[in-house]
Amino acid sequence: MKVKLLSRGDGKTIIAIRESTKRQVPIVCFSSNEVGCVSLKAADLGVAIPCPITFEDFLKKHHNFPEVIIDNLDVCFSHLKPATKIVMITMNDD
């Protein structure tokens, strides 16, 4: 798993779109508005990506994707418990 830790506006979503284009895996976004933004950015870049989905749909529906890219994971997680601020996450590097 790759982790891209960048500040807001530094190109995380464009990196995700490029990876989605290369691997042909869907991007999971924190909202339906962001799904639209990702689709428009991909079109502006002239690339074809699988249809992005919302984090909520990803959790609730039975998607059989062998791989996904999650854009803005911190924001996705904050939607799980909006009143709880996530101060740190840990992950395996494999």
PDB file of N, CA and C in Angstrom:
ATOM      1  N   MET A   1       0.832  -1.173   0.000  1.00  0.00           N
ATOM      2  CA  MET A   1       0.000   0.000   0.000  1.00  0.00           C
ATOM      3  C   MET A   1       0.878   1.238   0.000  1.00  0.00           C
ATOM      4  N   LYS A   2       0.531   2.173  -0.862  1.00  0.00           N
ATOM      5  CA  LYS A   2       1.240   3.446  -0.916  1.00  0.00           C
ATOM      6  C   LYS A   2       0.485   4.464  -0.062  1.00  0.00           C
ATOM      7  N   VAL A   3       1.209   5.330   0.613  1.00  0.00           N
ATOM      8  CA  VAL A   3       0.619   6.415   1.380  1.00  0.00           C
ATOM      9  C   VAL A   3       1.207   7.723   0.868  1.00  0.00           C
ATOM     10  N   LYS A   4       0.342   8.644   0.483  1.00  0.00           N
ATOM     11  CA  LYS A   4       0.765   9.968   0.025  1.00  0.00           C
ATOM     12  C   LYS A   4       0.289  10.973   1.061  1.00  0.00           C
ATOM     13  N   LEU A   5       1.200  11.531   1.805  1.00  0.00           N
ATOM     14  CA  LEU A   5       0.889  12.501   2.845  1.00  0.00           C
ATOM     15  C   LEU A   5       1.329  13.877   2.372  1.00  0.00           C
ATOM     16  N   LEU A   6       0.353  14.661   1.929  1.00  0.00           N
ATOM     17  CA  LEU A   6       0.619  16.001   1.406  1.00  0.00           C
ATOM     18  C   LEU A   6      -0.392  16.974   1.990  1.00  0.00           C
ATOM     19  N   SER A   7      -0.066  18.242   1.952  1.00  0.00           N
ATOM     20  CA  SER A   7      -0.976  19.278   2.434  1.00  0.00           C
ATOM     21  C   SER A   7      -2.121  19.483   1.451  1.00  0.00           C
ATOM     22  N   ARG A   8      -3.164  20.130   1.933  1.00  0.00           N
ATOM     23  CA  ARG A   8      -4.312  20.452   1.090  1.00  0.00           C
ATOM     24  C   ARG A   8      -3.839  21.274  -0.105  1.00  0.00           C
ATOM     25  N   GLY A   9      -4.294  20.869  -1.292  1.00  0.00           N
ATOM     26  CA  GLY A   9      -3.957  21.607  -2.507  1.00  0.00           C
ATOM     27  C   GLY A   9      -2.623  21.237  -3.138  1.00  0.00           C
ATOM     28  N   ASP A  10      -1.941  20.233  -2.579  1.00  0.00           N
ATOM     29  CA  ASP A  10      -0.629  19.847  -3.110  1.00  0.00           C
ATOM     30  C   ASP A  10      -0.678  18.706  -4.127  1.00  0.00           C
ATOM     31  N   GLY A  11      -1.880  18.292  -4.554  1.00  0.00           N
ATOM     32  CA  GLY A  11      -1.977  17.324  -5.642  1.00  0.00           C
ATOM     33  C   GLY A  11      -2.281  15.888  -5.265  1.00  0.00           C
ATOM     34  N   LYS A  12      -2.812  15.642  -4.063  1.00  0.00           N
ATOM     35  CA  LYS A  12      -3.128  14.257  -3.666  1.00  0.00           C
ATOM     36  C   LYS A  12      -4.137  13.612  -4.609  1.00  0.00           C
ATOM     37  N   THR A  13      -5.170  14.363  -4.951  1.00  0.00           N
ATOM     38  CA  THR A  13      -6.214  13.798  -5.807  1.00  0.00           C
ATOM     39  C   THR A  13      -5.686  13.529  -7.207  1.00  0.00           C
ATOM     40  N   ILE A  14      -4.847  14.405  -7.725  1.00  0.00           N
ATOM     41  CA  ILE A  14      -4.261  14.159  -9.055  1.00  0.00           C
ATOM     42  C   ILE A  14      -3.378  12.912  -9.020  1.00  0.00           C
ATOM     43  N   ILE A  15      -2.642  12.731  -7.936  1.00  0.00           N
ATOM     44  CA  ILE A  15      -1.838  11.508  -7.780  1.00  0.00           C
ATOM     45  C   ILE A  15      -2.752  10.288  -7.760  1.00  0.00           C
ATOM     46  N   ALA A  16      -3.881  10.397  -7.043  1.00  0.00           N
ATOM     47  CA  ALA A  16      -4.841   9.283  -6.978  1.00  0.00           C
ATOM     48  C   ALA A  16      -5.421   8.992  -8.363  1.00  0.00           C
ATOM     49  N   ILE A  17      -5.737  10.042  -9.113  1.00  0.00           N
ATOM     50  CA  ILE A  17      -6.282   9.859 -10.466  1.00  0.00           C
ATOM     51  C   ILE A  17      -5.253   9.177 -11.371  1.00  0.00           C
ATOM     52  N   ARG A  18      -4.022   9.596 -11.289  1.00  0.00           N
ATOM     53  CA  ARG A  18      -2.976   8.957 -12.112  1.00  0.00           C
ATOM     54  C   ARG A  18      -2.825   7.473 -11.758  1.00  0.00           C
ATOM     55  N   GLU A  19      -2.866   7.162 -10.471  1.00  0.00           N
ATOM     56  CA  GLU A  19      -2.757   5.760 -10.039  1.00  0.00           C
ATOM     57  C   GLU A  19      -3.991   4.964 -10.482  1.00  0.00           C
ATOM     58  N   SER A  20      -5.158   5.574 -10.387  1.00  0.00           N
ATOM     59  CA  SER A  20      -6.389   4.927 -10.838  1.00  0.00           C
ATOM     60  C   SER A  20      -6.340   4.642 -12.334  1.00  0.00           C
ATOM     61  N   THR A  21      -5.805   5.591 -13.093  1.00  0.00           N
ATOM     62  CA  THR A  21      -5.662   5.408 -14.534  1.00  0.00           C
ATOM     63  C   THR A  21      -4.729   4.240 -14.837  1.00  0.00           C
ATOM     64  N   LYS A  22      -3.613   4.217 -14.138  1.00  0.00           N
ATOM     65  CA  LYS A  22      -2.607   3.176 -14.385  1.00  0.00           C
ATOM     66  C   LYS A  22      -3.120   1.791 -13.993  1.00  0.00           C
ATOM     67  N   ARG A  23      -3.756   1.694 -12.834  1.00  0.00           N
ATOM     68  CA  ARG A  23      -4.169   0.387 -12.308  1.00  0.00           C
ATOM     69  C   ARG A  23      -5.611   0.019 -12.639  1.00  0.00           C
ATOM     70  N   GLN A  24      -6.384   1.006 -13.101  1.00  0.00           N
ATOM     71  CA  GLN A  24      -7.810   0.829 -13.388  1.00  0.00           C
ATOM     72  C   GLN A  24      -8.577   0.317 -12.161  1.00  0.00           C
ATOM     73  N   VAL A  25      -8.374   1.021 -11.053  1.00  0.00           N
ATOM     74  CA  VAL A  25      -9.121   0.740  -9.823  1.00  0.00           C
ATOM     75  C   VAL A  25      -9.901   1.996  -9.445  1.00  0.00           C
ATOM     76  N   PRO A  26     -11.073   1.829  -8.826  1.00  0.00           N
ATOM     77  CA  PRO A  26     -11.888   2.991  -8.483  1.00  0.00           C
ATOM     78  C   PRO A  26     -11.312   3.806  -7.327  1.00  0.00           C
ATOM     79  N   ILE A  27     -11.656   5.083  -7.322  1.00  0.00           N
ATOM     80  CA  ILE A  27     -11.286   5.983  -6.235  1.00  0.00           C
ATOM     81  C   ILE A  27     -12.490   6.127  -5.312  1.00  0.00           C
ATOM     82  N   VAL A  28     -12.269   5.939  -4.018  1.00  0.00           N
ATOM     83  CA  VAL A  28     -13.301   6.132  -3.007  1.00  0.00           C
ATOM     84  C   VAL A  28     -13.153   7.560  -2.487  1.00  0.00           C
ATOM     85  N   CYS A  29     -14.256   8.335  -2.551  1.00  0.00           N
ATOM     86  CA  CYS A  29     -14.251   9.744  -2.163  1.00  0.00           C
ATOM     87  C   CYS A  29     -15.144   9.964  -0.948  1.00  0.00           C
ATOM     88  N   PHE A  30     -14.909  11.043  -0.205  1.00  0.00           N
ATOM     89  CA  PHE A  30     -15.663  11.277   1.019  1.00  0.00           C
ATOM     90  C   PHE A  30     -17.088  11.756   0.798  1.00  0.00           C
ATOM     91  N   SER A  31     -17.432  12.243  -0.401  1.00  0.00           N
ATOM     92  CA  SER A  31     -18.804  12.721  -0.639  1.00  0.00           C
ATOM     93  C   SER A  31     -19.160  12.582  -2.114  1.00  0.00           C
ATOM     94  N   SER A  32     -20.460  12.698  -2.394  1.00  0.00           N
ATOM     95  CA  SER A  32     -20.890  12.635  -3.791  1.00  0.00           C
ATOM     96  C   SER A  32     -20.388  13.862  -4.561  1.00  0.00           C
ATOM     97  N   ASN A  33     -20.283  14.994  -3.891  1.00  0.00           N
ATOM     98  CA  ASN A  33     -19.726  16.183  -4.528  1.00  0.00           C
ATOM     99  C   ASN A  33     -18.274  15.934  -4.946  1.00  0.00           C
ATOM    100  N   GLU A  34     -17.521  15.278  -4.074  1.00  0.00           N
ATOM    101  CA  GLU A  34     -16.119  14.981  -4.382  1.00  0.00           C
ATOM    102  C   GLU A  34     -16.014  13.949  -5.506  1.00  0.00           C
ATOM    103  N   VAL A  35     -16.959  13.020  -5.580  1.00  0.00           N
ATOM    104  CA  VAL A  35     -17.002  12.066  -6.702  1.00  0.00           C
ATOM    105  C   VAL A  35     -17.074  12.841  -8.013  1.00  0.00           C
ATOM    106  N   GLY A  36     -17.953  13.857  -8.055  1.00  0.00           N
ATOM    107  CA  GLY A  36     -18.075  14.685  -9.252  1.00  0.00           C
ATOM    108  C   GLY A  36     -16.798  15.446  -9.554  1.00  0.00           C
ATOM    109  N   CYS A  37     -16.167  15.994  -8.515  1.00  0.00           N
ATOM    110  CA  CYS A  37     -14.912  16.734  -8.706  1.00  0.00           C
ATOM    111  C   CYS A  37     -13.804  15.840  -9.246  1.00  0.00           C
ATOM    112  N   VAL A  38     -13.711  14.623  -8.721  1.00  0.00           N
ATOM    113  CA  VAL A  38     -12.690  13.680  -9.185  1.00  0.00           C
ATOM    114  C   VAL A  38     -12.945  13.313 -10.646  1.00  0.00           C
ATOM    115  N   SER A  39     -14.205  13.066 -10.989  1.00  0.00           N
ATOM    116  CA  SER A  39     -14.547  12.745 -12.379  1.00  0.00           C
ATOM    117  C   SER A  39     -14.182  13.892 -13.315  1.00  0.00           C
ATOM    118  N   LEU A  40     -14.485  15.121 -12.889  1.00  0.00           N
ATOM    119  CA  LEU A  40     -14.147  16.292 -13.714  1.00  0.00           C
ATOM    120  C   LEU A  40     -12.640  16.481 -13.839  1.00  0.00           C
ATOM    121  N   LYS A  41     -11.902  16.278 -12.759  1.00  0.00           N
ATOM    122  CA  LYS A  41     -10.442  16.408 -12.820  1.00  0.00           C
ATOM    123  C   LYS A  41      -9.853  15.380 -13.774  1.00  0.00           C
ATOM    124  N   ALA A  42     -10.373  14.148 -13.714  1.00  0.00           N
ATOM    125  CA  ALA A  42      -9.886  13.107 -14.625  1.00  0.00           C
ATOM    126  C   ALA A  42     -10.161  13.502 -16.077  1.00  0.00           C
ATOM    127  N   ALA A  43     -11.363  14.023 -16.332  1.00  0.00           N
ATOM    128  CA  ALA A  43     -11.705  14.461 -17.688  1.00  0.00           C
ATOM    129  C   ALA A  43     -10.795  15.607 -18.134  1.00  0.00           C
ATOM    130  N   ASP A  44     -10.540  16.561 -17.223  1.00  0.00           N
ATOM    131  CA  ASP A  44      -9.639  17.676 -17.543  1.00  0.00           C
ATOM    132  C   ASP A  44      -8.227  17.186 -17.873  1.00  0.00           C
ATOM    133  N   LEU A  45      -7.814  16.103 -17.187  1.00  0.00           N
ATOM    134  CA  LEU A  45      -6.494  15.524 -17.446  1.00  0.00           C
ATOM    135  C   LEU A  45      -6.490  14.644 -18.694  1.00  0.00           C
ATOM    136  N   GLY A  46      -7.694  14.383 -19.237  1.00  0.00           N
ATOM    137  CA  GLY A  46      -7.810  13.561 -20.438  1.00  0.00           C
ATOM    138  C   GLY A  46      -7.568  12.087 -20.190  1.00  0.00           C
ATOM    139  N   VAL A  47      -7.917  11.619 -18.981  1.00  0.00           N
ATOM    140  CA  VAL A  47      -7.713  10.205 -18.656  1.00  0.00           C
ATOM    141  C   VAL A  47      -9.037   9.539 -18.314  1.00  0.00           C
ATOM    142  N   ALA A  48      -9.074   8.229 -18.499  1.00  0.00           N
ATOM    143  CA  ALA A  48     -10.264   7.442 -18.172  1.00  0.00           C
ATOM    144  C   ALA A  48     -10.001   6.669 -16.888  1.00  0.00           C
ATOM    145  N   ILE A  49     -10.892   6.846 -15.916  1.00  0.00           N
ATOM    146  CA  ILE A  49     -10.786   6.110 -14.656  1.00  0.00           C
ATOM    147  C   ILE A  49     -12.099   5.379 -14.406  1.00  0.00           C
ATOM    148  N   PRO A  50     -12.053   4.306 -13.636  1.00  0.00           N
ATOM    149  CA  PRO A  50     -13.319   3.674 -13.232  1.00  0.00           C
ATOM    150  C   PRO A  50     -14.161   4.687 -12.447  1.00  0.00           C
ATOM    151  N   CYS A  51     -15.454   4.525 -12.468  1.00  0.00           N
ATOM    152  CA  CYS A  51     -16.360   5.462 -11.801  1.00  0.00           C
ATOM    153  C   CYS A  51     -16.042   5.559 -10.309  1.00  0.00           C
ATOM    154  N   PRO A  52     -15.735   6.763  -9.804  1.00  0.00           N
ATOM    155  CA  PRO A  52     -15.483   6.915  -8.374  1.00  0.00           C
ATOM    156  C   PRO A  52     -16.755   6.639  -7.566  1.00  0.00           C
ATOM    157  N   ILE A  53     -16.595   6.264  -6.311  1.00  0.00           N
ATOM    158  CA  ILE A  53     -17.739   6.008  -5.438  1.00  0.00           C
ATOM    159  C   ILE A  53     -17.527   6.731  -4.108  1.00  0.00           C
ATOM    160  N   THR A  54     -18.614   6.923  -3.386  1.00  0.00           N
ATOM    161  CA  THR A  54     -18.500   7.569  -2.076  1.00  0.00           C
ATOM    162  C   THR A  54     -18.053   6.552  -1.031  1.00  0.00           C
ATOM    163  N   PHE A  55     -17.461   7.067   0.024  1.00  0.00           N
ATOM    164  CA  PHE A  55     -17.034   6.230   1.147  1.00  0.00           C
ATOM    165  C   PHE A  55     -18.240   5.516   1.750  1.00  0.00           C
ATOM    166  N   GLU A  56     -19.352   6.233   1.858  1.00  0.00           N
ATOM    167  CA  GLU A  56     -20.579   5.640   2.407  1.00  0.00           C
ATOM    168  C   GLU A  56     -21.041   4.456   1.560  1.00  0.00           C
ATOM    169  N   ASP A  57     -21.074   4.630   0.236  1.00  0.00           N
ATOM    170  CA  ASP A  57     -21.453   3.518  -0.652  1.00  0.00           C
ATOM    171  C   ASP A  57     -20.462   2.369  -0.546  1.00  0.00           C
ATOM    172  N   PHE A  58     -19.198   2.697  -0.445  1.00  0.00           N
ATOM    173  CA  PHE A  58     -18.170   1.672  -0.311  1.00  0.00           C
ATOM    174  C   PHE A  58     -18.403   0.823   0.936  1.00  0.00           C
ATOM    175  N   LEU A  59     -18.804   1.449   2.035  1.00  0.00           N
ATOM    176  CA  LEU A  59     -19.042   0.719   3.281  1.00  0.00           C
ATOM    177  C   LEU A  59     -20.368  -0.029   3.272  1.00  0.00           C
ATOM    178  N   LYS A  60     -21.404   0.567   2.695  1.00  0.00           N
ATOM    179  CA  LYS A  60     -22.750  -0.006   2.784  1.00  0.00           C
ATOM    180  C   LYS A  60     -23.068  -1.037   1.708  1.00  0.00           C
ATOM    181  N   LYS A  61     -22.520  -0.859   0.547  1.00  0.00           N
ATOM    182  CA  LYS A  61     -22.847  -1.763  -0.563  1.00  0.00           C
ATOM    183  C   LYS A  61     -21.796  -2.850  -0.673  1.00  0.00           C
ATOM    184  N   HIS A  62     -22.188  -3.923  -1.276  1.00  0.00           N
ATOM    185  CA  HIS A  62     -21.287  -5.067  -1.409  1.00  0.00           C
ATOM    186  C   HIS A  62     -20.518  -4.971  -2.723  1.00  0.00           C
ATOM    187  N   HIS A  63     -19.473  -4.172  -2.681  1.00  0.00           N
ATOM    188  CA  HIS A  63     -18.609  -4.040  -3.845  1.00  0.00           C
ATOM    189  C   HIS A  63     -17.549  -5.129  -3.780  1.00  0.00           C
ATOM    190  N   ASN A  64     -17.277  -5.706  -4.913  1.00  0.00           N
ATOM    191  CA  ASN A  64     -16.281  -6.769  -4.984  1.00  0.00           C
ATOM    192  C   ASN A  64     -15.006  -6.287  -5.650  1.00  0.00           C
ATOM    193  N   PHE A  65     -14.590  -5.071  -5.321  1.00  0.00           N
ATOM    194  CA  PHE A  65     -13.366  -4.552  -5.896  1.00  0.00           C
ATOM    195  C   PHE A  65     -12.176  -5.219  -5.226  1.00  0.00           C
ATOM    196  N   PRO A  66     -11.275  -5.801  -5.994  1.00  0.00           N
ATOM    197  CA  PRO A  66     -10.082  -6.380  -5.371  1.00  0.00           C
ATOM    198  C   PRO A  66      -9.131  -5.314  -4.844  1.00  0.00           C
ATOM    199  N   GLU A  67      -9.227  -4.092  -5.402  1.00  0.00           N
ATOM    200  CA  GLU A  67      -8.370  -2.982  -4.982  1.00  0.00           C
ATOM    201  C   GLU A  67      -9.154  -1.683  -5.103  1.00  0.00           C
ATOM    202  N   VAL A  68      -8.843  -0.722  -4.254  1.00  0.00           N
ATOM    203  CA  VAL A  68      -9.396   0.628  -4.356  1.00  0.00           C
ATOM    204  C   VAL A  68      -8.321   1.632  -3.969  1.00  0.00           C
ATOM    205  N   ILE A  69      -8.543   2.872  -4.341  1.00  0.00           N
ATOM    206  CA  ILE A  69      -7.735   3.998  -3.890  1.00  0.00           C
ATOM    207  C   ILE A  69      -8.670   4.866  -3.050  1.00  0.00           C
ATOM    208  N   ILE A  70      -8.266   5.215  -1.851  1.00  0.00           N
ATOM    209  CA  ILE A  70      -9.086   6.081  -1.010  1.00  0.00           C
ATOM    210  C   ILE A  70      -8.452   7.463  -0.988  1.00  0.00           C
ATOM    211  N   ASP A  71      -9.208   8.436  -1.484  1.00  0.00           N
ATOM    212  CA  ASP A  71      -8.742   9.816  -1.516  1.00  0.00           C
ATOM    213  C   ASP A  71      -9.208  10.519  -0.244  1.00  0.00           C
ATOM    214  N   ASN A  72      -8.305  11.216   0.424  1.00  0.00           N
ATOM    215  CA  ASN A  72      -8.617  11.944   1.651  1.00  0.00           C
ATOM    216  C   ASN A  72      -9.179  11.027   2.737  1.00  0.00           C
ATOM    217  N   LEU A  73      -8.418  10.017   3.074  1.00  0.00           N
ATOM    218  CA  LEU A  73      -8.840   9.036   4.085  1.00  0.00           C
ATOM    219  C   LEU A  73      -9.229   9.695   5.400  1.00  0.00           C
ATOM    220  N   ASP A  74      -8.499  10.723   5.790  1.00  0.00           N
ATOM    221  CA  ASP A  74      -8.812  11.406   7.052  1.00  0.00           C
ATOM    222  C   ASP A  74     -10.224  11.975   7.042  1.00  0.00           C
ATOM    223  N   VAL A  75     -10.645  12.539   5.917  1.00  0.00           N
ATOM    224  CA  VAL A  75     -11.998  13.100   5.818  1.00  0.00           C
ATOM    225  C   VAL A  75     -13.027  11.975   5.793  1.00  0.00           C
ATOM    226  N   CYS A  76     -12.721  10.892   5.083  1.00  0.00           N
ATOM    227  CA  CYS A  76     -13.628   9.738   5.065  1.00  0.00           C
ATOM    228  C   CYS A  76     -13.864   9.224   6.474  1.00  0.00           C
ATOM    229  N   PHE A  77     -12.790   9.046   7.221  1.00  0.00           N
ATOM    230  CA  PHE A  77     -12.920   8.545   8.588  1.00  0.00           C
ATOM    231  C   PHE A  77     -13.693   9.510   9.478  1.00  0.00           C
ATOM    232  N   SER A  78     -13.520  10.800   9.269  1.00  0.00           N
ATOM    233  CA  SER A  78     -14.223  11.771  10.112  1.00  0.00           C
ATOM    234  C   SER A  78     -15.733  11.686   9.927  1.00  0.00           C
ATOM    235  N   HIS A  79     -16.199  11.163   8.790  1.00  0.00           N
ATOM    236  CA  HIS A  79     -17.634  10.993   8.564  1.00  0.00           C
ATOM    237  C   HIS A  79     -18.206   9.818   9.363  1.00  0.00           C
ATOM    238  N   LEU A  80     -17.350   8.913   9.811  1.00  0.00           N
ATOM    239  CA  LEU A  80     -17.830   7.786  10.608  1.00  0.00           C
ATOM    240  C   LEU A  80     -18.342   8.246  11.967  1.00  0.00           C
ATOM    241  N   LYS A  81     -17.627   9.140  12.589  1.00  0.00           N
ATOM    242  CA  LYS A  81     -17.988   9.692  13.899  1.00  0.00           C
ATOM    243  C   LYS A  81     -17.678  11.181  13.875  1.00  0.00           C
ATOM    244  N   PRO A  82     -18.561  11.995  13.313  1.00  0.00           N
ATOM    245  CA  PRO A  82     -18.258  13.417  13.127  1.00  0.00           C
ATOM    246  C   PRO A  82     -17.868  14.168  14.400  1.00  0.00           C
ATOM    247  N   ALA A  83     -18.357  13.731  15.541  1.00  0.00           N
ATOM    248  CA  ALA A  83     -18.049  14.446  16.788  1.00  0.00           C
ATOM    249  C   ALA A  83     -16.684  14.078  17.356  1.00  0.00           C
ATOM    250  N   THR A  84     -16.029  13.089  16.753  1.00  0.00           N
ATOM    251  CA  THR A  84     -14.736  12.633  17.251  1.00  0.00           C
ATOM    252  C   THR A  84     -13.635  13.045  16.292  1.00  0.00           C
ATOM    253  N   LYS A  85     -12.666  13.790  16.793  1.00  0.00           N
ATOM    254  CA  LYS A  85     -11.529  14.206  15.976  1.00  0.00           C
ATOM    255  C   LYS A  85     -10.474  13.100  15.999  1.00  0.00           C
ATOM    256  N   ILE A  86     -10.049  12.674  14.830  1.00  0.00           N
ATOM    257  CA  ILE A  86      -8.987  11.676  14.722  1.00  0.00           C
ATOM    258  C   ILE A  86      -7.665  12.406  14.848  1.00  0.00           C
ATOM    259  N   VAL A  87      -6.887  12.064  15.850  1.00  0.00           N
ATOM    260  CA  VAL A  87      -5.622  12.769  16.070  1.00  0.00           C
ATOM    261  C   VAL A  87      -4.427  12.014  15.521  1.00  0.00           C
ATOM    262  N   MET A  88      -4.579  10.706  15.279  1.00  0.00           N
ATOM    263  CA  MET A  88      -3.496   9.936  14.684  1.00  0.00           C
ATOM    264  C   MET A  88      -4.048   8.635  14.143  1.00  0.00           C
ATOM    265  N   ILE A  89      -3.429   8.145  13.090  1.00  0.00           N
ATOM    266  CA  ILE A  89      -3.725   6.807  12.602  1.00  0.00           C
ATOM    267  C   ILE A  89      -2.407   6.067  12.444  1.00  0.00           C
ATOM    268  N   THR A  90      -2.441   4.749  12.558  1.00  0.00           N
ATOM    269  CA  THR A  90      -1.270   3.923  12.262  1.00  0.00           C
ATOM    270  C   THR A  90      -1.674   2.923  11.193  1.00  0.00           C
ATOM    271  N   MET A  91      -0.714   2.487  10.410  1.00  0.00           N
ATOM    272  CA  MET A  91      -0.978   1.552   9.336  1.00  0.00           C
ATOM    273  C   MET A  91       0.199   0.635   9.148  1.00  0.00           C
ATOM    274  N   ASN A  92      -0.076  -0.552   8.622  1.00  0.00           N
ATOM    275  CA  ASN A  92       0.994  -1.465   8.229  1.00  0.00           C
ATOM    276  C   ASN A  92       1.591  -1.002   6.912  1.00  0.00           C
ATOM    277  N   ASP A  93       2.839  -1.261   6.705  1.00  0.00           N
ATOM    278  CA  ASP A  93       3.538  -0.842   5.501  1.00  0.00           C
ATOM    279  C   ASP A  93       3.726  -2.000   4.518  1.00  0.00           C
ATOM    280  N   ASP A  94       2.740  -2.877   4.418  1.00  0.00           N
ATOM    281  CA  ASP A  94       2.881  -4.011   3.492  1.00  0.00           C
ATOM    282  C   ASP A  94       1.696  -4.199   2.596  1.00  0.00           C
TER     283      ASP A  94
END
